[in-house]
C-alpha atoms as a PDB file:
ATOM      1  CA  MET A   1     -10.562  16.175 -41.716  1.00  0.00           C
ATOM      2  CA  GLU A   2     -10.210  13.995 -39.390  1.00  0.00           C
ATOM      3  CA  ALA A   3      -6.349  14.564 -38.149  1.00  0.00           C
ATOM      4  CA  GLN A   4      -7.268  18.114 -38.122  1.00  0.00           C
ATOM      5  CA  LYS A   5      -9.380  17.647 -35.988  1.00  0.00           C
ATOM      6  CA  GLU A   6      -7.148  15.269 -34.102  1.00  0.00           C
ATOM      7  CA  ASN A   7      -4.407  17.911 -33.659  1.00  0.00           C
ATOM      8  CA  ARG A   8      -6.429  21.073 -32.366  1.00  0.00           C
ATOM      9  CA  PRO A   9      -5.655  20.643 -29.581  1.00  0.00           C
ATOM     10  CA  ALA A  10      -2.432  20.597 -29.178  1.00  0.00           C
ATOM     11  CA  GLU A  11      -1.972  23.356 -31.661  1.00  0.00           C
ATOM     12  CA  GLU A  12      -4.729  25.645 -29.010  1.00  0.00           C
ATOM     13  CA  GLU A  13      -2.310  23.992 -26.102  1.00  0.00           C
ATOM     14  CA  GLY A  14       0.901  25.257 -27.776  1.00  0.00           C
ATOM     15  CA  ALA A  15      -0.563  29.191 -28.401  1.00  0.00           C
ATOM     16  CA  LYS A  16      -1.661  29.367 -25.256  1.00  0.00           C
ATOM     17  CA  THR A  17       2.002  28.875 -24.178  1.00  0.00           C
ATOM     18  CA  ASP A  18       3.491  30.839 -26.750  1.00  0.00           C
ATOM     19  CA  ALA A  19       1.136  33.516 -25.608  1.00  0.00           C
ATOM     20  CA  ARG A  20       1.879  33.159 -22.066  1.00  0.00           C
ATOM     21  CA  ALA A  21       5.681  33.228 -23.353  1.00  0.00           C
ATOM     22  CA  ALA A  22       5.520  36.029 -24.885  1.00  0.00           C
ATOM     23  CA  GLY A  23       3.354  38.269 -21.772  1.00  0.00           C
ATOM     24  CA  SER A  24       0.301  38.342 -23.126  1.00  0.00           C
ATOM     25  CA  PRO A  25      -2.768  36.472 -22.130  1.00  0.00           C
ATOM     26  CA  PRO A  26      -4.926  35.383 -24.701  1.00  0.00           C
ATOM     27  CA  PHE A  27      -8.779  35.256 -24.527  1.00  0.00           C
ATOM     28  CA  HIS A  28     -10.919  32.366 -24.530  1.00  0.00           C
ATOM     29  CA  GLN A  29     -14.107  32.717 -26.663  1.00  0.00           C
ATOM     30  CA  SER A  30     -16.960  30.337 -25.405  1.00  0.00           C
ATOM     31  CA  LYS A  31     -20.540  29.821 -24.923  1.00  0.00           C
ATOM     32  CA  GLN A  32     -20.272  31.627 -21.337  1.00  0.00           C
ATOM     33  CA  CYS A  33     -17.590  34.332 -22.440  1.00  0.00           C
ATOM     34  CA  CYS A  34     -14.234  35.588 -23.515  1.00  0.00           C
ATOM     35  CA  ARG A  35     -11.478  35.773 -21.217  1.00  0.00           C
ATOM     36  CA  LEU A  36      -8.055  35.934 -20.136  1.00  0.00           C
ATOM     37  CA  ASP A  37      -6.179  33.214 -19.750  1.00  0.00           C
ATOM     38  CA  CYS A  38      -3.767  33.617 -16.108  1.00  0.00           C
ATOM     39  CA  GLN A  39      -6.887  34.809 -14.528  1.00  0.00           C
ATOM     40  CA  GLU A  40      -6.909  32.158 -12.558  1.00  0.00           C
ATOM     41  CA  ASP A  41      -2.846  32.610 -11.156  1.00  0.00           C
ATOM     42  CA  ASN A  42      -3.819  36.081 -10.479  1.00  0.00           C
ATOM     43  CA  LYS A  43      -7.324  35.650  -8.247  1.00  0.00           C
ATOM     44  CA  LYS A  44      -4.692  34.243  -5.766  1.00  0.00           C
ATOM     45  CA  LYS A  45      -2.333  37.251  -5.829  1.00  0.00           C
ATOM     46  CA  SER A  46      -5.834  39.232  -5.616  1.00  0.00           C
ATOM     47  CA  ILE A  47      -7.420  38.352  -3.032  1.00  0.00           C
ATOM     48  CA  SER A  48      -5.857  40.644  -0.351  1.00  0.00           C
ATOM     49  CA  SER A  49      -7.780  42.989  -2.798  1.00  0.00           C
ATOM     50  CA  SER A  50     -11.153  41.520  -2.970  1.00  0.00           C
ATOM     51  CA  SER A  51     -12.798  43.408  -0.827  1.00  0.00           C
ATOM     52  CA  ASP A  52     -12.563  46.115  -3.671  1.00  0.00           C
ATOM     53  CA  PHE A  53     -13.496  44.150  -6.192  1.00  0.00           C
ATOM     54  CA  SER A  54     -17.877  42.783  -4.287  1.00  0.00           C
ATOM     55  CA  ASP A  55     -18.822  41.605  -7.500  1.00  0.00           C
ATOM     56  CA  PRO A  56     -17.237  38.780  -9.103  1.00  0.00           C
ATOM     57  CA  VAL A  57     -18.108  39.660 -12.661  1.00  0.00           C
ATOM     58  CA  TYR A  58     -16.498  43.011 -12.025  1.00  0.00           C
ATOM     59  CA  LYS A  59     -13.318  42.077 -10.306  1.00  0.00           C
ATOM     60  CA  GLU A  60     -12.859  39.873 -14.024  1.00  0.00           C
ATOM     61  CA  ILE A  61     -13.444  42.625 -15.812  1.00  0.00           C
ATOM     62  CA  SER A  62     -11.133  44.841 -14.210  1.00  0.00           C
ATOM     63  CA  LEU A  63      -7.641  42.268 -14.218  1.00  0.00           C
ATOM     64  CA  THR A  64      -8.522  41.836 -18.114  1.00  0.00           C
ATOM     65  CA  ASN A  65      -8.678  45.414 -17.972  1.00  0.00           C
ATOM     66  CA  GLY A  66      -5.255  45.194 -16.507  1.00  0.00           C
ATOM     67  CA  TYR A  67      -3.794  42.973 -19.047  1.00  0.00           C
ATOM     68  CA  ILE A  68      -5.562  45.026 -22.310  1.00  0.00           C
ATOM     69  CA  ASN A  69      -3.441  48.029 -20.917  1.00  0.00           C
ATOM     70  CA  ARG A  70      -0.603  46.017 -21.370  1.00  0.00           C
ATOM     71  CA  MET A  71      -0.460  44.654 -24.345  1.00  0.00           C
ATOM     72  CA  SER A  72       0.991  46.080 -27.780  1.00  0.00           C
ATOM     73  CA  ARG A  73      -0.793  47.769 -30.475  1.00  0.00           C
ATOM     74  CA  ASP A  74      -0.213  44.745 -32.329  1.00  0.00           C
ATOM     75  CA  GLU A  75      -1.985  42.371 -29.887  1.00  0.00           C
ATOM     76  CA  LEU A  76      -4.769  44.652 -29.595  1.00  0.00           C
ATOM     77  CA  ARG A  77      -5.477  44.081 -33.522  1.00  0.00           C
ATOM     78  CA  ALA A  78      -4.667  40.406 -33.287  1.00  0.00           C
ATOM     79  CA  LYS A  79      -7.326  39.982 -30.660  1.00  0.00           C
ATOM     80  CA  LEU A  80      -9.420  42.299 -31.793  1.00  0.00           C
ATOM     81  CA  ALA A  81      -9.142  39.983 -35.139  1.00  0.00           C
ATOM     82  CA  GLU A  82     -10.040  36.790 -33.628  1.00  0.00           C
ATOM     83  CA  PHE A  83     -13.036  37.993 -32.251  1.00  0.00           C
ATOM     84  CA  LYS A  84     -13.741  39.864 -35.612  1.00  0.00           C
ATOM     85  CA  LEU A  85     -13.586  43.010 -34.642  1.00  0.00           C
ATOM     86  CA  ASP A  86     -12.810  46.033 -36.355  1.00  0.00           C
ATOM     87  CA  THR A  87      -8.899  46.141 -36.409  1.00  0.00           C
ATOM     88  CA  ARG A  88      -8.588  50.129 -37.552  1.00  0.00           C
ATOM     89  CA  GLY A  89      -7.909  52.873 -35.184  1.00  0.00           C
ATOM     90  CA  VAL A  90      -5.326  54.413 -32.480  1.00  0.00           C
ATOM     91  CA  LYS A  91      -3.890  52.241 -29.798  1.00  0.00           C
ATOM     92  CA  ASP A  92      -6.626  54.219 -27.020  1.00  0.00           C
ATOM     93  CA  VAL A  93      -9.301  53.260 -29.305  1.00  0.00           C
ATOM     94  CA  LEU A  94      -8.166  49.738 -30.063  1.00  0.00           C
ATOM     95  CA  LYS A  95      -8.234  48.925 -26.148  1.00  0.00           C
ATOM     96  CA  LYS A  96     -11.366  50.863 -25.613  1.00  0.00           C
ATOM     97  CA  ARG A  97     -13.197  48.577 -27.943  1.00  0.00           C
ATOM     98  CA  LEU A  98     -11.687  45.335 -26.628  1.00  0.00           C
ATOM     99  CA  LYS A  99     -12.090  46.182 -23.286  1.00  0.00           C
ATOM    100  CA  ASN A 100     -15.951  47.371 -24.536  1.00  0.00           C
ATOM    101  CA  TYR A 101     -16.375  43.561 -25.912  1.00  0.00           C
ATOM    102  CA  TYR A 102     -14.950  41.978 -23.055  1.00  0.00           C
ATOM    103  CA  LYS A 103     -17.242  43.809 -20.735  1.00  0.00           C
ATOM    104  CA  LYS A 104     -20.018  43.399 -22.699  1.00  0.00           C
ATOM    105  CA  GLU A 105     -20.041  39.700 -23.097  1.00  0.00           C
ATOM    106  CA  LYS A 106     -19.278  39.606 -19.432  1.00  0.00           C
ATOM    107  CA  LEU A 107     -22.630  42.108 -18.100  1.00  0.00           C
ATOM    108  CA  MET A 108     -24.758  39.986 -20.849  1.00  0.00           C
ATOM    109  CA  GLN A 109     -24.284  36.606 -19.102  1.00  0.00           C
ATOM    110  CA  LYS A 110     -25.270  38.495 -15.524  1.00  0.00           C
ATOM    111  CA  GLN A 111     -27.655  40.398 -16.875  1.00  0.00           C
ATOM    112  CA  PRO A 112     -29.277  40.429 -20.401  1.00  0.00           C
ATOM    113  CA  THR A 113     -29.599  44.070 -22.134  1.00  0.00           C
ATOM    114  CA  ASN A 114     -32.977  44.658 -22.580  1.00  0.00           C
ATOM    115  CA  ALA A 115     -32.302  46.095 -27.153  1.00  0.00           C
ATOM    116  CA  ASN A 116     -36.107  47.534 -26.195  1.00  0.00           C
ATOM    117  CA  ASN A 117     -34.827  50.286 -24.330  1.00  0.00           C
ATOM    118  CA  TYR A 118     -32.566  51.867 -26.949  1.00  0.00           C
ATOM    119  CA  TYR A 119     -33.825  53.968 -29.961  1.00  0.00           C
ATOM    120  CA  ASP A 120     -34.365  52.164 -33.014  1.00  0.00           C
ATOM    121  CA  TYR A 121     -33.233  54.712 -35.203  1.00  0.00           C
ATOM    122  CA  ILE A 122     -30.440  57.944 -34.837  1.00  0.00           C
ATOM    123  CA  CYS A 123     -31.901  61.071 -37.042  1.00  0.00           C
ATOM    124  CA  VAL A 124     -28.171  62.392 -37.927  1.00  0.00           C
ATOM    125  CA  ILE A 125     -28.185  66.491 -39.265  1.00  0.00           C
ATOM    126  CA  ASP A 126     -25.522  68.148 -40.091  1.00  0.00           C
ATOM    127  CA  PHE A 127     -26.813  72.187 -41.180  1.00  0.00           C
ATOM    128  CA  GLU A 128     -24.817  73.740 -43.837  1.00  0.00           C
ATOM    129  CA  ALA A 129     -26.039  77.802 -43.593  1.00  0.00           C
ATOM    130  CA  THR A 130     -24.832  80.826 -45.175  1.00  0.00           C
ATOM    131  CA  CYS A 131     -21.529  82.178 -44.158  1.00  0.00           C
ATOM    132  CA  GLU A 132     -18.937  84.896 -44.928  1.00  0.00           C
ATOM    133  CA  GLU A 133     -15.289  84.411 -44.631  1.00  0.00           C
ATOM    134  CA  GLY A 134     -14.055  85.398 -41.421  1.00  0.00           C
ATOM    135  CA  ASN A 135     -17.285  84.237 -39.993  1.00  0.00           C
ATOM    136  CA  GLN A 136     -18.736  87.995 -39.386  1.00  0.00           C
ATOM    137  CA  LEU A 137     -21.114  88.460 -36.064  1.00  0.00           C
ATOM    138  CA  GLU A 138     -23.712  90.454 -37.406  1.00  0.00           C
ATOM    139  CA  LEU A 139     -24.587  87.784 -40.229  1.00  0.00           C
ATOM    140  CA  THR A 140     -27.690  86.220 -39.814  1.00  0.00           C
ATOM    141  CA  HIS A 141     -26.555  82.746 -40.646  1.00  0.00           C
ATOM    142  CA  GLU A 142     -29.896  81.415 -42.521  1.00  0.00           C
ATOM    143  CA  ILE A 143     -30.083  77.168 -42.742  1.00  0.00           C
ATOM    144  CA  ILE A 144     -29.788  76.419 -46.990  1.00  0.00           C
ATOM    145  CA  GLU A 145     -29.545  72.757 -46.640  1.00  0.00           C
ATOM    146  CA  PHE A 146     -30.927  70.484 -44.839  1.00  0.00           C
ATOM    147  CA  PRO A 147     -29.695  66.525 -44.922  1.00  0.00           C
ATOM    148  CA  ILE A 148     -30.951  63.490 -42.674  1.00  0.00           C
ATOM    149  CA  VAL A 149     -29.313  60.580 -42.906  1.00  0.00           C
ATOM    150  CA  LEU A 150     -31.361  57.798 -41.054  1.00  0.00           C
ATOM    151  CA  LEU A 151     -29.518  55.182 -39.177  1.00  0.00           C
ATOM    152  CA  ASN A 152     -30.649  51.547 -38.179  1.00  0.00           C
ATOM    153  CA  THR A 153     -29.009  51.111 -34.666  1.00  0.00           C
ATOM    154  CA  ARG A 154     -30.559  47.037 -34.402  1.00  0.00           C
ATOM    155  CA  THR A 155     -28.616  46.721 -37.846  1.00  0.00           C
ATOM    156  CA  LEU A 156     -26.053  49.462 -37.492  1.00  0.00           C
ATOM    157  CA  GLU A 157     -26.741  50.384 -41.232  1.00  0.00           C
ATOM    158  CA  ILE A 158     -27.737  53.388 -43.105  1.00  0.00           C
ATOM    159  CA  GLU A 159     -31.110  53.609 -43.952  1.00  0.00           C
ATOM    160  CA  ASP A 160     -32.435  56.026 -45.977  1.00  0.00           C
ATOM    161  CA  THR A 161     -31.220  59.856 -46.437  1.00  0.00           C
ATOM    162  CA  PHE A 162     -33.240  63.105 -47.254  1.00  0.00           C
ATOM    163  CA  GLN A 163     -31.564  66.472 -48.314  1.00  0.00           C
ATOM    164  CA  GLN A 164     -33.452  69.566 -49.167  1.00  0.00           C
ATOM    165  CA  TYR A 165     -31.634  72.867 -50.411  1.00  0.00           C
ATOM    166  CA  VAL A 166     -33.377  75.936 -48.631  1.00  0.00           C
ATOM    167  CA  LYS A 167     -33.903  79.655 -49.881  1.00  0.00           C
ATOM    168  CA  PRO A 168     -32.576  81.902 -47.671  1.00  0.00           C
ATOM    169  CA  GLU A 169     -34.974  85.003 -46.684  1.00  0.00           C
ATOM    170  CA  ILE A 170     -32.281  87.563 -45.151  1.00  0.00           C
ATOM    171  CA  ASN A 171     -29.373  87.336 -47.817  1.00  0.00           C
ATOM    172  CA  PRO A 172     -30.981  85.518 -50.761  1.00  0.00           C
ATOM    173  CA  ARG A 173     -27.408  86.333 -52.495  1.00  0.00           C
ATOM    174  CA  LEU A 174     -24.790  83.428 -51.296  1.00  0.00           C
ATOM    175  CA  SER A 175     -20.760  84.678 -50.906  1.00  0.00           C
ATOM    176  CA  ASP A 176     -18.531  83.282 -52.576  1.00  0.00           C
ATOM    177  CA  PHE A 177     -16.836  81.976 -49.865  1.00  0.00           C
ATOM    178  CA  CYS A 178     -20.007  80.095 -49.005  1.00  0.00           C
ATOM    179  CA  ILE A 179     -20.120  78.686 -52.214  1.00  0.00           C
ATOM    180  CA  ASN A 180     -16.755  77.208 -52.729  1.00  0.00           C
ATOM    181  CA  LEU A 181     -16.939  75.897 -48.865  1.00  0.00           C
ATOM    182  CA  THR A 182     -20.419  74.197 -49.291  1.00  0.00           C
ATOM    183  CA  GLY A 183     -20.257  73.426 -53.035  1.00  0.00           C
ATOM    184  CA  ILE A 184     -23.792  74.989 -52.952  1.00  0.00           C
ATOM    185  CA  SER A 185     -24.695  77.215 -55.803  1.00  0.00           C
ATOM    186  CA  GLN A 186     -27.076  80.483 -56.084  1.00  0.00           C
ATOM    187  CA  ASP A 187     -28.797  78.525 -59.143  1.00  0.00           C
ATOM    188  CA  LEU A 188     -29.366  75.446 -56.313  1.00  0.00           C
ATOM    189  CA  VAL A 189     -30.958  77.968 -53.860  1.00  0.00           C
ATOM    190  CA  ASP A 190     -32.967  80.094 -55.593  1.00  0.00           C
ATOM    191  CA  LYS A 191     -35.043  77.302 -57.131  1.00  0.00           C
ATOM    192  CA  ALA A 192     -34.829  75.945 -53.553  1.00  0.00           C
ATOM    193  CA  ASP A 193     -38.438  76.435 -51.112  1.00  0.00           C
ATOM    194  CA  GLU A 194     -38.119  78.678 -48.378  1.00  0.00           C
ATOM    195  CA  PHE A 195     -37.556  77.095 -44.671  1.00  0.00           C
ATOM    196  CA  PRO A 196     -41.249  76.843 -43.701  1.00  0.00           C
ATOM    197  CA  LYS A 197     -42.094  74.710 -46.439  1.00  0.00           C
ATOM    198  CA  VAL A 198     -39.007  72.542 -46.749  1.00  0.00           C
ATOM    199  CA  LEU A 199     -39.693  71.498 -42.744  1.00  0.00           C
ATOM    200  CA  GLN A 200     -43.037  70.408 -43.100  1.00  0.00           C
ATOM    201  CA  CYS A 201     -41.213  68.289 -45.790  1.00  0.00           C
ATOM    202  CA  VAL A 202     -39.281  66.976 -43.071  1.00  0.00           C
ATOM    203  CA  VAL A 203     -41.919  66.188 -40.948  1.00  0.00           C
ATOM    204  CA  ASP A 204     -43.897  64.627 -43.573  1.00  0.00           C
ATOM    205  CA  TRP A 205     -40.668  62.568 -44.121  1.00  0.00           C
ATOM    206  CA  MET A 206     -40.238  60.978 -40.719  1.00  0.00           C
ATOM    207  CA  LYS A 207     -43.474  60.583 -40.214  1.00  0.00           C
ATOM    208  CA  GLN A 208     -43.442  58.352 -43.554  1.00  0.00           C
ATOM    209  CA  LYS A 209     -41.056  56.145 -41.543  1.00  0.00           C
ATOM    210  CA  GLU A 210     -43.068  55.964 -38.350  1.00  0.00           C
ATOM    211  CA  LEU A 211     -39.651  57.564 -36.713  1.00  0.00           C
ATOM    212  CA  GLY A 212     -41.596  58.584 -32.791  1.00  0.00           C
ATOM    213  CA  SER A 213     -45.345  56.525 -33.143  1.00  0.00           C
ATOM    214  CA  LYS A 214     -43.888  53.123 -34.355  1.00  0.00           C
ATOM    215  CA  TYR A 215     -40.320  53.350 -33.643  1.00  0.00           C
ATOM    216  CA  SER A 216     -38.432  55.259 -31.148  1.00  0.00           C
ATOM    217  CA  TYR A 217     -35.513  58.020 -32.247  1.00  0.00           C
ATOM    218  CA  CYS A 218     -33.340  60.297 -31.575  1.00  0.00           C
ATOM    219  CA  ILE A 219     -31.204  62.841 -33.012  1.00  0.00           C
ATOM    220  CA  LEU A 220     -27.716  63.616 -33.272  1.00  0.00           C
ATOM    221  CA  THR A 221     -25.080  65.891 -34.328  1.00  0.00           C
ATOM    222  CA  ASP A 222     -21.828  66.994 -34.516  1.00  0.00           C
ATOM    223  CA  GLY A 223     -21.534  69.852 -31.770  1.00  0.00           C
ATOM    224  CA  SER A 224     -23.857  72.123 -30.034  1.00  0.00           C
ATOM    225  CA  TRP A 225     -24.656  75.044 -33.039  1.00  0.00           C
ATOM    226  CA  ASP A 226     -26.926  72.565 -35.438  1.00  0.00           C
ATOM    227  CA  MET A 227     -29.888  72.620 -32.988  1.00  0.00           C
ATOM    228  CA  SER A 228     -29.153  75.311 -30.643  1.00  0.00           C
ATOM    229  CA  LYS A 229     -27.258  77.943 -32.928  1.00  0.00           C
ATOM    230  CA  PHE A 230     -28.652  77.002 -36.723  1.00  0.00           C
ATOM    231  CA  LEU A 231     -32.691  75.843 -36.005  1.00  0.00           C
ATOM    232  CA  ASN A 232     -33.117  78.076 -33.570  1.00  0.00           C
ATOM    233  CA  ILE A 233     -32.226  81.176 -35.327  1.00  0.00           C
ATOM    234  CA  GLN A 234     -33.785  79.918 -38.236  1.00  0.00           C
ATOM    235  CA  CYS A 235     -37.298  79.300 -37.026  1.00  0.00           C
ATOM    236  CA  ARG A 236     -36.781  83.008 -35.484  1.00  0.00           C
ATOM    237  CA  VAL A 237     -36.236  84.616 -39.173  1.00  0.00           C
ATOM    238  CA  SER A 238     -39.157  81.766 -40.482  1.00  0.00           C
ATOM    239  CA  ARG A 239     -41.382  83.218 -37.610  1.00  0.00           C
ATOM    240  CA  LEU A 240     -42.039  79.543 -36.355  1.00  0.00           C
ATOM    241  CA  LYS A 241     -41.854  78.265 -32.674  1.00  0.00           C
ATOM    242  CA  TYR A 242     -39.043  75.846 -32.227  1.00  0.00           C
ATOM    243  CA  PRO A 243     -39.848  72.137 -33.339  1.00  0.00           C
ATOM    244  CA  SER A 244     -40.476  69.969 -30.556  1.00  0.00           C
ATOM    245  CA  PHE A 245     -39.077  66.994 -32.114  1.00  0.00           C
ATOM    246  CA  ALA A 246     -35.526  68.763 -32.227  1.00  0.00           C
ATOM    247  CA  LYS A 247     -35.509  69.921 -28.201  1.00  0.00           C
ATOM    248  CA  LYS A 248     -33.499  67.317 -27.328  1.00  0.00           C
ATOM    249  CA  TRP A 249     -30.321  65.392 -28.999  1.00  0.00           C
ATOM    250  CA  ILE A 250     -26.805  63.580 -29.032  1.00  0.00           C
ATOM    251  CA  ASN A 251     -23.565  65.871 -29.519  1.00  0.00           C
ATOM    252  CA  ILE A 252     -21.268  63.231 -30.705  1.00  0.00           C
ATOM    253  CA  ARG A 253     -18.585  65.729 -29.886  1.00  0.00           C
ATOM    254  CA  LYS A 254     -19.450  65.402 -26.378  1.00  0.00           C
ATOM    255  CA  SER A 255     -19.927  61.353 -26.399  1.00  0.00           C
ATOM    256  CA  TYR A 256     -16.863  60.672 -28.063  1.00  0.00           C
ATOM    257  CA  GLY A 257     -14.450  62.623 -25.926  1.00  0.00           C
ATOM    258  CA  ASN A 258     -15.963  60.664 -22.751  1.00  0.00           C
ATOM    259  CA  PHE A 259     -16.073  57.257 -23.870  1.00  0.00           C
ATOM    260  CA  TYR A 260     -12.533  57.431 -25.470  1.00  0.00           C
ATOM    261  CA  LYS A 261     -11.970  59.735 -22.996  1.00  0.00           C
ATOM    262  CA  VAL A 262      -9.550  62.305 -25.084  1.00  0.00           C
ATOM    263  CA  PRO A 263      -9.684  66.423 -24.862  1.00  0.00           C
ATOM    264  CA  ARG A 264     -12.341  68.657 -26.404  1.00  0.00           C
ATOM    265  CA  ASN A 265     -10.027  69.564 -29.001  1.00  0.00           C
ATOM    266  CA  GLN A 266      -9.493  65.960 -30.115  1.00  0.00           C
ATOM    267  CA  THR A 267     -13.371  65.953 -31.805  1.00  0.00           C
ATOM    268  CA  LYS A 268     -13.227  67.320 -34.498  1.00  0.00           C
ATOM    269  CA  LEU A 269     -15.163  65.372 -37.422  1.00  0.00           C
ATOM    270  CA  SER A 270     -11.913  65.104 -39.158  1.00  0.00           C
ATOM    271  CA  THR A 271      -9.822  64.133 -36.251  1.00  0.00           C
ATOM    272  CA  MET A 272     -12.237  61.310 -35.217  1.00  0.00           C
ATOM    273  CA  LEU A 273     -12.141  59.992 -38.727  1.00  0.00           C
ATOM    274  CA  GLU A 274      -8.402  59.255 -38.399  1.00  0.00           C
ATOM    275  CA  LYS A 275      -8.471  58.314 -34.557  1.00  0.00           C
ATOM    276  CA  LEU A 276     -10.899  55.758 -35.654  1.00  0.00           C
ATOM    277  CA  GLY A 277      -8.547  54.930 -38.833  1.00  0.00           C
ATOM    278  CA  MET A 278     -10.905  55.932 -41.224  1.00  0.00           C
ATOM    279  CA  ASP A 279     -10.651  58.335 -44.252  1.00  0.00           C
ATOM    280  CA  TYR A 280     -13.920  60.744 -45.240  1.00  0.00           C
ATOM    281  CA  ASP A 281     -15.707  59.713 -47.814  1.00  0.00           C
ATOM    282  CA  GLY A 282     -17.440  62.576 -49.829  1.00  0.00           C
ATOM    283  CA  ARG A 283     -17.100  66.313 -50.421  1.00  0.00           C
ATOM    284  CA  PRO A 284     -16.262  68.305 -46.827  1.00  0.00           C
ATOM    285  CA  HIS A 285     -18.934  70.947 -45.689  1.00  0.00           C
ATOM    286  CA  SER A 286     -21.655  69.545 -47.921  1.00  0.00           C
ATOM    287  CA  GLY A 287     -24.134  68.785 -45.402  1.00  0.00           C
ATOM    288  CA  LEU A 288     -25.458  65.012 -46.857  1.00  0.00           C
ATOM    289  CA  ASP A 289     -21.793  64.102 -46.595  1.00  0.00           C
ATOM    290  CA  ASP A 290     -20.868  65.328 -43.429  1.00  0.00           C
ATOM    291  CA  SER A 291     -23.645  63.621 -41.851  1.00  0.00           C
ATOM    292  CA  LYS A 292     -22.697  60.342 -43.273  1.00  0.00           C
ATOM    293  CA  ASN A 293     -19.284  60.460 -42.074  1.00  0.00           C
ATOM    294  CA  ILE A 294     -21.095  61.468 -38.896  1.00  0.00           C
ATOM    295  CA  ALA A 295     -23.116  58.215 -38.418  1.00  0.00           C
ATOM    296  CA  ARG A 296     -19.978  56.488 -39.372  1.00  0.00           C
ATOM    297  CA  ILE A 297     -18.624  57.526 -36.835  1.00  0.00           C
ATOM    298  CA  ALA A 298     -21.460  56.868 -34.551  1.00  0.00           C
ATOM    299  CA  ILE A 299     -21.861  53.274 -36.424  1.00  0.00           C
ATOM    300  CA  ARG A 300     -18.024  52.451 -35.130  1.00  0.00           C
ATOM    301  CA  MET A 301     -18.784  53.707 -31.900  1.00  0.00           C
ATOM    302  CA  LEU A 302     -21.940  51.524 -31.099  1.00  0.00           C
ATOM    303  CA  GLN A 303     -19.828  48.869 -32.482  1.00  0.00           C
ATOM    304  CA  ASP A 304     -17.346  49.646 -30.009  1.00  0.00           C
ATOM    305  CA  GLY A 305     -19.831  49.294 -27.144  1.00  0.00           C
ATOM    306  CA  CYS A 306     -20.801  53.156 -26.568  1.00  0.00           C
ATOM    307  CA  GLU A 307     -24.521  53.896 -25.463  1.00  0.00           C
ATOM    308  CA  LEU A 308     -24.807  56.707 -27.418  1.00  0.00           C
ATOM    309  CA  ARG A 309     -27.816  58.896 -25.571  1.00  0.00           C
ATOM    310  CA  VAL A 310     -29.143  62.346 -25.452  1.00  0.00           C
ATOM    311  CA  ASN A 311     -26.962  64.428 -23.978  1.00  0.00           C
ATOM    312  CA  GLU A 312     -27.777  68.324 -24.454  1.00  0.00           C
ATOM    313  CA  LYS A 313     -31.118  70.478 -24.948  1.00  0.00           C
ATOM    314  CA  LEU A 314     -32.865  73.281 -25.560  1.00  0.00           C
ATOM    315  CA  TYR A 315     -34.569  75.112 -22.567  1.00  0.00           C
ATOM    316  CA  ASP A 316     -36.650  78.391 -23.198  1.00  0.00           C
ATOM    317  CA  GLY A 317     -33.928  79.072 -25.910  1.00  0.00           C
ATOM    318  CA  ALA A 318     -30.769  78.298 -23.001  1.00  0.00           C
ATOM    319  CA  LEU A 319     -28.538  75.265 -23.916  1.00  0.00           C
ATOM    320  CA  LEU A 320     -28.125  72.773 -21.400  1.00  0.00           C
ATOM    321  CA  THR A 321     -26.244  69.877 -20.539  1.00  0.00           C
ATOM    322  CA  VAL A 322     -28.296  66.227 -20.194  1.00  0.00           C
ATOM    323  CA  SER A 323     -27.394  63.842 -17.207  1.00  0.00           C
ATOM    324  CA  SER A 324     -25.987  60.738 -18.056  1.00  0.00           C
ATOM    325  CA  SER A 325     -28.246  59.316 -15.644  1.00  0.00           C
ATOM    326  CA  THR A 326     -31.459  60.579 -17.250  1.00  0.00           C
ATOM    327  CA  PRO A 327     -33.470  57.540 -18.407  1.00  0.00           C
ATOM    328  CA  ILE A 328     -33.459  56.568 -22.346  1.00  0.00           C
ATOM    329  CA  GLU A 329     -36.334  58.516 -24.199  1.00  0.00           C
ATOM    330  CA  GLY A 330     -36.940  58.752 -27.962  1.00  0.00           C
ATOM    331  CA  ALA A 331     -37.994  62.411 -29.510  1.00  0.00           C
ATOM    332  CA  PRO A 332     -41.921  63.073 -29.643  1.00  0.00           C
ATOM    333  CA  ALA A 333     -43.382  62.060 -33.321  1.00  0.00           C
ATOM    334  CA  PRO A 334     -42.771  64.683 -35.114  1.00  0.00           C
ATOM    335  CA  GLN A 335     -44.605  68.208 -36.023  1.00  0.00           C
ATOM    336  CA  MET A 336     -44.873  70.805 -37.530  1.00  0.00           C
ATOM    337  CA  PRO A 337     -44.401  74.133 -35.274  1.00  0.00           C
ATOM    338  CA  LYS A 338     -46.760  77.005 -35.495  1.00  0.00           C
ATOM    339  CA  PHE A 339     -46.247  80.172 -36.888  1.00  0.00           C
ATOM    340  CA  ARG A 340     -45.129  82.974 -33.920  1.00  0.00           C
END
């Protein structure tokens, strides 16, 4: 044991030398920060550009980002493993993960973050609705599955789930296409309650979890359609006012695209999972399984340093974008909306 302690400094110095020779400046993890070697040398070279970075913390972050951009995928994975971070994903995802880890460490030294400003919970919702092959324009989509996955943002774990099937009112008979796509049988919806009763169960469940009272929360969806279209249409069909707690949400496709800098066509659920190095878990187009997989993506993004925040809302029936500069504010306590 003592011999190992004595040899450790020499081993560490040898590792530094090997890393420099390989052209991959290593990070150091200490009480103060994780940083790249060779930055002291580069500070001298970058004096002429110091006016671009008046804050030394941001200057160091910028220099580190430059080193990370030049790292190979194997070097990125090795460095992530050193910091006990996830090593799965394509190269761009790995670079983003490492950059955000380092940035978070540096900014926490500069000004510790206040976790109390963020949502305590995220409710992931992915409806299943009646459908026909070819998405006929005249079809009124009615919700037939209402799932919720409750994600604890402190523990980054799925804490609970809710699921109820819904009996459609306008088109009570499901198409063969819908049954095959969603796995929801005619018998399941025949035995289910109609939407107003299911929504009351949703509200009761959320109240039981003390969402909007003791704990702050927001809704997260895979795209805009769940809230702006499916829930909006369903409330009109059921002659209900639109629930106030669902008027703002996180569209994870927008968040993913903006955070990882990828085009819109790379933000489908299956593509996001693939790029993050994950496989789909469960049955595709099951509302609950889809919601769980969306939650897995949200967890990975939070781990990578993304501050998921509300980016869309429904105002007077119209879908609007919420600015990223808007202060974080949780959804109101759930209440059953009145009938129209």
